[in-house]
C-alpha cells in the first residue's frame, strides 16, 4: 500500500512539473512574440509618412473638420472606405471641386491612382475666383486639367512629411510651410482640415485654389 502511494505521489509530482514547464514555455513564447511585434509595428508607423493606411494615419485636424458630417458616406469613416473622387463627392465642402473634376474627366484617374495626396479647395475657395474666370476655366478642359492635377502629388503625405517642396502630377512644384496642425501651401492657401483619409489618398482641404505658374 505504501509502495502504491509512493508511486502515485511520484507520478503526480512529475505531471505537475511537466505542466509547470509547459506553462512557463507558453508565457515565454507569448512574451517573445509580443516584443518581436513591437519593432515591426514601429517600422510600419515610421513608414506611414508617404504610404499610410487610413486606419494607421492618425486623426484629421483643423477648424473646418467640424463641418464634415459625423456619419454616413461623407463622414471621415465613410470617406476612408471610398477612393478619393468618390469620397469628395460625398463631402459638402467640396461640391465645386467635384464638379470641376467631372468636367475635366479626372474621376477615374483620381480614383484609380495609388497613394496620392490631394489638396482640395473648398467651395468658398472657388468662390474667391471671379465668376467669369471660373466659368472660363471650367469650359477649358486642358487648362482645368492642369489646375486640378497641380493639386495632386504622387505620394501619400502624412502631416509629419507635409512641410517642404513636392512635385505635382501637373509637373510643377508645391511649397508647404508650417508644422503640427498649422500649414500653408504656396504661401497663401491655408490647410483648413488636414490628414483626411480616403481609400487611396490623404486629403488636405485648403481655402484657396492653387494656380500653377505654367
Protein backbone atom coordinates (compact mmCIF):
# COMPACT_ATOMS: atom_id res chain seq x y z
CA UNK A 1 0.00 0.00 0.00
CA UNK A 2 2.84 2.31 0.88
CA UNK A 3 4.59 1.47 -2.43
CA UNK A 4 1.47 2.31 -4.46
CA UNK A 5 1.05 5.55 -2.60
CA UNK A 6 4.68 6.46 -3.25
CA UNK A 7 4.33 5.72 -6.96
CA UNK A 8 1.14 7.81 -7.21
CA UNK A 9 2.88 10.66 -5.41
CA UNK A 10 5.88 10.49 -7.77
CA UNK A 11 3.63 10.39 -10.85
CA UNK A 12 1.63 13.37 -9.61
CA UNK A 13 4.84 15.30 -8.99
CA UNK A 14 6.10 14.53 -12.50
CA UNK A 15 2.82 15.63 -14.06
CA UNK A 16 2.82 18.85 -12.04
CA UNK A 17 6.40 19.58 -13.07
CA UNK A 18 5.56 18.96 -16.72
CA UNK A 19 2.57 21.31 -16.52
CA UNK A 20 4.76 23.98 -14.94
CA UNK A 21 7.36 23.68 -17.71
CA UNK A 22 4.69 23.91 -20.42
CA UNK A 23 3.13 26.90 -18.72
CA UNK A 24 6.46 28.72 -18.49
CA UNK A 25 7.21 27.92 -22.15
CA UNK A 26 3.87 29.33 -23.24
CA UNK A 27 4.41 32.51 -21.24
CA UNK A 28 7.90 32.88 -22.64
CA UNK A 29 6.64 32.34 -26.21
CA UNK A 30 3.84 34.88 -25.78
CA UNK A 31 6.22 37.46 -24.33
CA UNK A 32 8.75 36.92 -27.12
CA UNK A 33 6.06 37.26 -29.79
CA UNK A 34 4.81 40.48 -28.24
CA UNK A 35 8.25 42.06 -28.06
CA UNK A 36 9.07 40.93 -31.59
CA UNK A 37 5.98 42.60 -32.98
CA UNK A 38 6.84 45.97 -31.43
CA UNK A 39 9.76 46.81 -33.79
CA UNK A 40 7.61 45.78 -36.77
CA UNK A 41 4.78 48.00 -35.58
CA UNK A 42 7.23 50.85 -35.04
CA UNK A 43 8.66 50.37 -38.52
CA UNK A 44 5.18 50.37 -40.03
CA UNK A 45 4.30 53.51 -38.15
CA UNK A 46 7.51 55.26 -39.21
CA UNK A 47 6.86 54.41 -42.87
CA UNK A 48 3.37 55.92 -42.71
CA UNK A 49 4.69 59.27 -43.97
CA UNK A 50 4.18 58.56 -47.66
CA UNK A 51 2.02 55.46 -47.79
CA UNK A 52 -0.20 55.40 -44.77
CA UNK A 53 -3.17 53.09 -44.45
CA UNK A 54 -6.31 55.01 -43.49
CA UNK A 55 -6.69 53.44 -40.05
CA UNK A 56 -2.99 53.96 -39.17
CA UNK A 57 -2.56 57.54 -40.26
CA UNK A 58 -3.83 59.47 -37.25
CA UNK A 59 -6.78 61.80 -36.88
CA UNK A 60 -7.91 64.67 -39.13
CA UNK A 61 -7.13 68.13 -37.76
CA UNK A 62 -8.25 71.71 -38.36
CA UNK A 63 -11.17 74.04 -37.67
CA UNK A 64 -13.11 73.09 -40.82
CA UNK A 65 -13.17 69.42 -39.82
CA UNK A 66 -16.20 70.23 -37.67
CA UNK A 67 -18.19 70.87 -40.88
CA UNK A 68 -17.67 67.30 -42.07
CA UNK A 69 -20.71 65.06 -41.43
CA UNK A 70 -20.47 62.94 -38.28
CA UNK A 71 -21.71 59.80 -40.00
CA UNK A 72 -22.61 58.41 -43.41
CA UNK A 73 -20.63 58.36 -46.66
CA UNK A 74 -19.42 61.95 -46.21
CA UNK A 75 -18.04 61.38 -42.71
CA UNK A 76 -14.38 60.68 -42.05
CA UNK A 77 -15.04 56.96 -41.56
CA UNK A 78 -17.21 56.87 -44.69
CA UNK A 79 -14.63 58.69 -46.82
CA UNK A 80 -11.91 56.30 -45.66
CA UNK A 81 -13.60 53.42 -47.48
CA UNK A 82 -14.02 55.19 -50.86
CA UNK A 83 -11.45 56.26 -53.47
CA UNK A 84 -10.74 59.97 -53.36
CA UNK A 85 -13.02 61.37 -56.10
CA UNK A 86 -15.95 59.34 -54.81
CA UNK A 87 -15.16 60.34 -51.21
CA UNK A 88 -15.02 64.03 -52.19
CA UNK A 89 -18.40 63.78 -53.89
CA UNK A 90 -19.91 62.91 -50.51
CA UNK A 91 -18.29 65.84 -48.69
CA UNK A 92 -20.46 69.00 -48.70
CA UNK A 93 -17.39 71.25 -48.51
CA UNK A 94 -16.09 70.01 -51.89
CA UNK A 95 -19.02 70.05 -54.31
CA UNK A 96 -17.47 72.67 -56.64
CA UNK A 97 -14.23 70.72 -56.76
CA UNK A 98 -16.16 67.56 -57.64
CA UNK A 99 -17.93 69.42 -60.46
CA UNK A 100 -14.54 70.55 -61.80
CA UNK A 101 -13.09 67.04 -61.56
CA UNK A 102 -16.03 65.62 -63.50
CA UNK A 103 -15.76 68.41 -66.08
CA UNK A 104 -12.07 67.57 -66.62
CA UNK A 105 -12.80 63.83 -66.88
CA UNK A 106 -10.48 63.05 -63.97
CA UNK A 107 -12.79 60.95 -61.79
CA UNK A 108 -11.41 57.59 -62.92
CA UNK A 109 -7.82 58.89 -62.95
CA UNK A 110 -8.01 60.01 -59.33
CA UNK A 111 -9.99 57.01 -58.14
CA UNK A 112 -7.55 54.54 -59.67
CA UNK A 113 -4.34 56.28 -58.52
CA UNK A 114 -2.42 54.67 -55.67
CA UNK A 115 -1.22 56.51 -52.58
CA UNK A 116 -1.63 60.14 -53.61
CA UNK A 117 -2.13 63.41 -51.74
CA UNK A 118 -4.86 65.82 -52.78
CA UNK A 119 -5.01 69.47 -51.77
CA UNK A 120 -8.75 70.03 -52.08
CA UNK A 121 -10.11 73.60 -52.37
CA UNK A 122 -13.41 74.23 -50.63
CA UNK A 123 -16.47 75.69 -52.31
CA UNK A 124 -15.53 79.06 -50.74
CA UNK A 125 -12.06 78.79 -52.27
CA UNK A 126 -13.58 78.53 -55.75
CA UNK A 127 -15.97 81.36 -54.87
CA UNK A 128 -12.96 83.65 -54.39
CA UNK A 129 -12.35 83.47 -58.15
CA UNK A 130 -14.24 85.95 -60.32
CA UNK A 131 -17.23 84.12 -61.81
CA UNK A 132 -16.17 84.90 -65.36
CA UNK A 133 -12.71 83.43 -64.71
CA UNK A 134 -14.15 80.32 -63.07
CA UNK A 135 -16.60 79.78 -65.92
CA UNK A 136 -13.78 80.20 -68.44
CA UNK A 137 -11.61 77.63 -66.64
CA UNK A 138 -14.47 75.14 -66.39
CA UNK A 139 -15.03 75.50 -70.14
CA UNK A 140 -11.34 74.90 -70.98
CA UNK A 141 -10.66 71.21 -70.30
CA UNK A 142 -6.89 71.41 -70.86
CA UNK A 143 -6.44 74.35 -68.52
CA UNK A 144 -8.78 72.85 -65.96
CA UNK A 145 -6.85 69.57 -66.02
CA UNK A 146 -3.57 71.40 -65.42
CA UNK A 147 -5.02 73.29 -62.46
CA UNK A 148 -6.59 70.22 -60.87
CA UNK A 149 -3.55 67.96 -61.30
CA UNK A 150 -1.46 70.74 -59.74
CA UNK A 151 -3.38 69.97 -56.55
CA UNK A 152 -2.21 66.33 -56.51
CA UNK A 153 1.13 64.81 -55.52
CA UNK A 154 2.06 61.22 -56.45
CA UNK A 155 2.97 60.29 -52.86
CA UNK A 156 0.79 59.98 -49.80
CA UNK A 157 1.96 62.63 -47.33
CA UNK A 158 1.38 62.38 -43.59
CA UNK A 159 1.41 65.66 -41.63
CA UNK A 160 4.96 64.94 -40.47
CA UNK A 161 6.10 64.81 -44.12
CA UNK A 162 3.99 67.71 -45.38
CA UNK A 163 6.33 70.69 -44.97
CA UNK A 164 8.71 71.16 -47.89
CA UNK A 165 8.60 71.04 -51.68
CA UNK A 166 6.51 68.48 -53.53
CA UNK A 167 6.28 67.63 -57.22
CA UNK A 168 2.71 67.51 -58.53
CA UNK A 169 1.04 65.40 -61.21
CA UNK A 170 0.86 68.56 -63.32
CA UNK A 171 4.66 68.75 -63.24
CA UNK A 172 5.04 71.89 -61.14
CA UNK A 173 6.07 72.12 -57.51
CA UNK A 174 4.13 72.97 -54.38
CA UNK A 175 5.78 74.55 -51.35
CA UNK A 176 4.27 73.75 -47.98
CA UNK A 177 5.32 75.58 -44.83
CA UNK A 178 4.32 75.03 -41.22
CA UNK A 179 4.24 72.22 -38.68
CA UNK A 180 1.98 70.44 -36.24
CA UNK A 181 -1.55 71.35 -37.32
CA UNK A 182 -0.77 74.69 -38.98
CA UNK A 183 0.21 74.52 -42.66
CA UNK A 184 0.17 76.90 -45.62
CA UNK A 185 0.56 75.90 -49.27
CA UNK A 186 2.33 78.22 -51.71
CA UNK A 187 2.35 80.97 -49.05
CA UNK A 188 -1.37 81.76 -49.41
CA UNK A 189 -3.55 78.63 -49.12
CA UNK A 190 -4.31 77.59 -45.54
CA UNK A 191 -5.00 73.98 -44.65
CA UNK A 192 -8.45 74.08 -43.04
CA UNK A 193 -8.89 70.37 -42.41
CA UNK A 194 -5.93 68.07 -42.90
CA UNK A 195 -5.00 64.42 -42.82
CA UNK A 196 -8.38 63.26 -44.13
CA UNK A 197 -8.05 59.66 -45.27
CA UNK A 198 -9.68 58.04 -48.28
CA UNK A 199 -9.08 54.55 -49.64
CA UNK A 200 -6.27 55.73 -51.90
CA UNK A 201 -5.36 59.26 -50.82
CA UNK A 202 -4.65 61.64 -47.98
CA UNK A 203 -6.60 64.89 -48.38
CA UNK A 204 -5.77 68.38 -47.13
CA UNK A 205 -8.72 70.73 -47.53
CA UNK A 206 -7.49 74.25 -48.37
CA UNK A 207 -9.08 77.70 -48.51
CA UNK A 208 -7.59 78.84 -51.84
CA UNK A 209 -7.38 77.37 -55.35
CA UNK A 210 -3.74 76.66 -56.21
CA UNK A 211 -2.60 78.00 -59.58
CA UNK A 212 0.38 76.56 -61.48
CA UNK A 213 2.85 79.10 -62.82
CA UNK A 214 2.90 77.48 -66.23
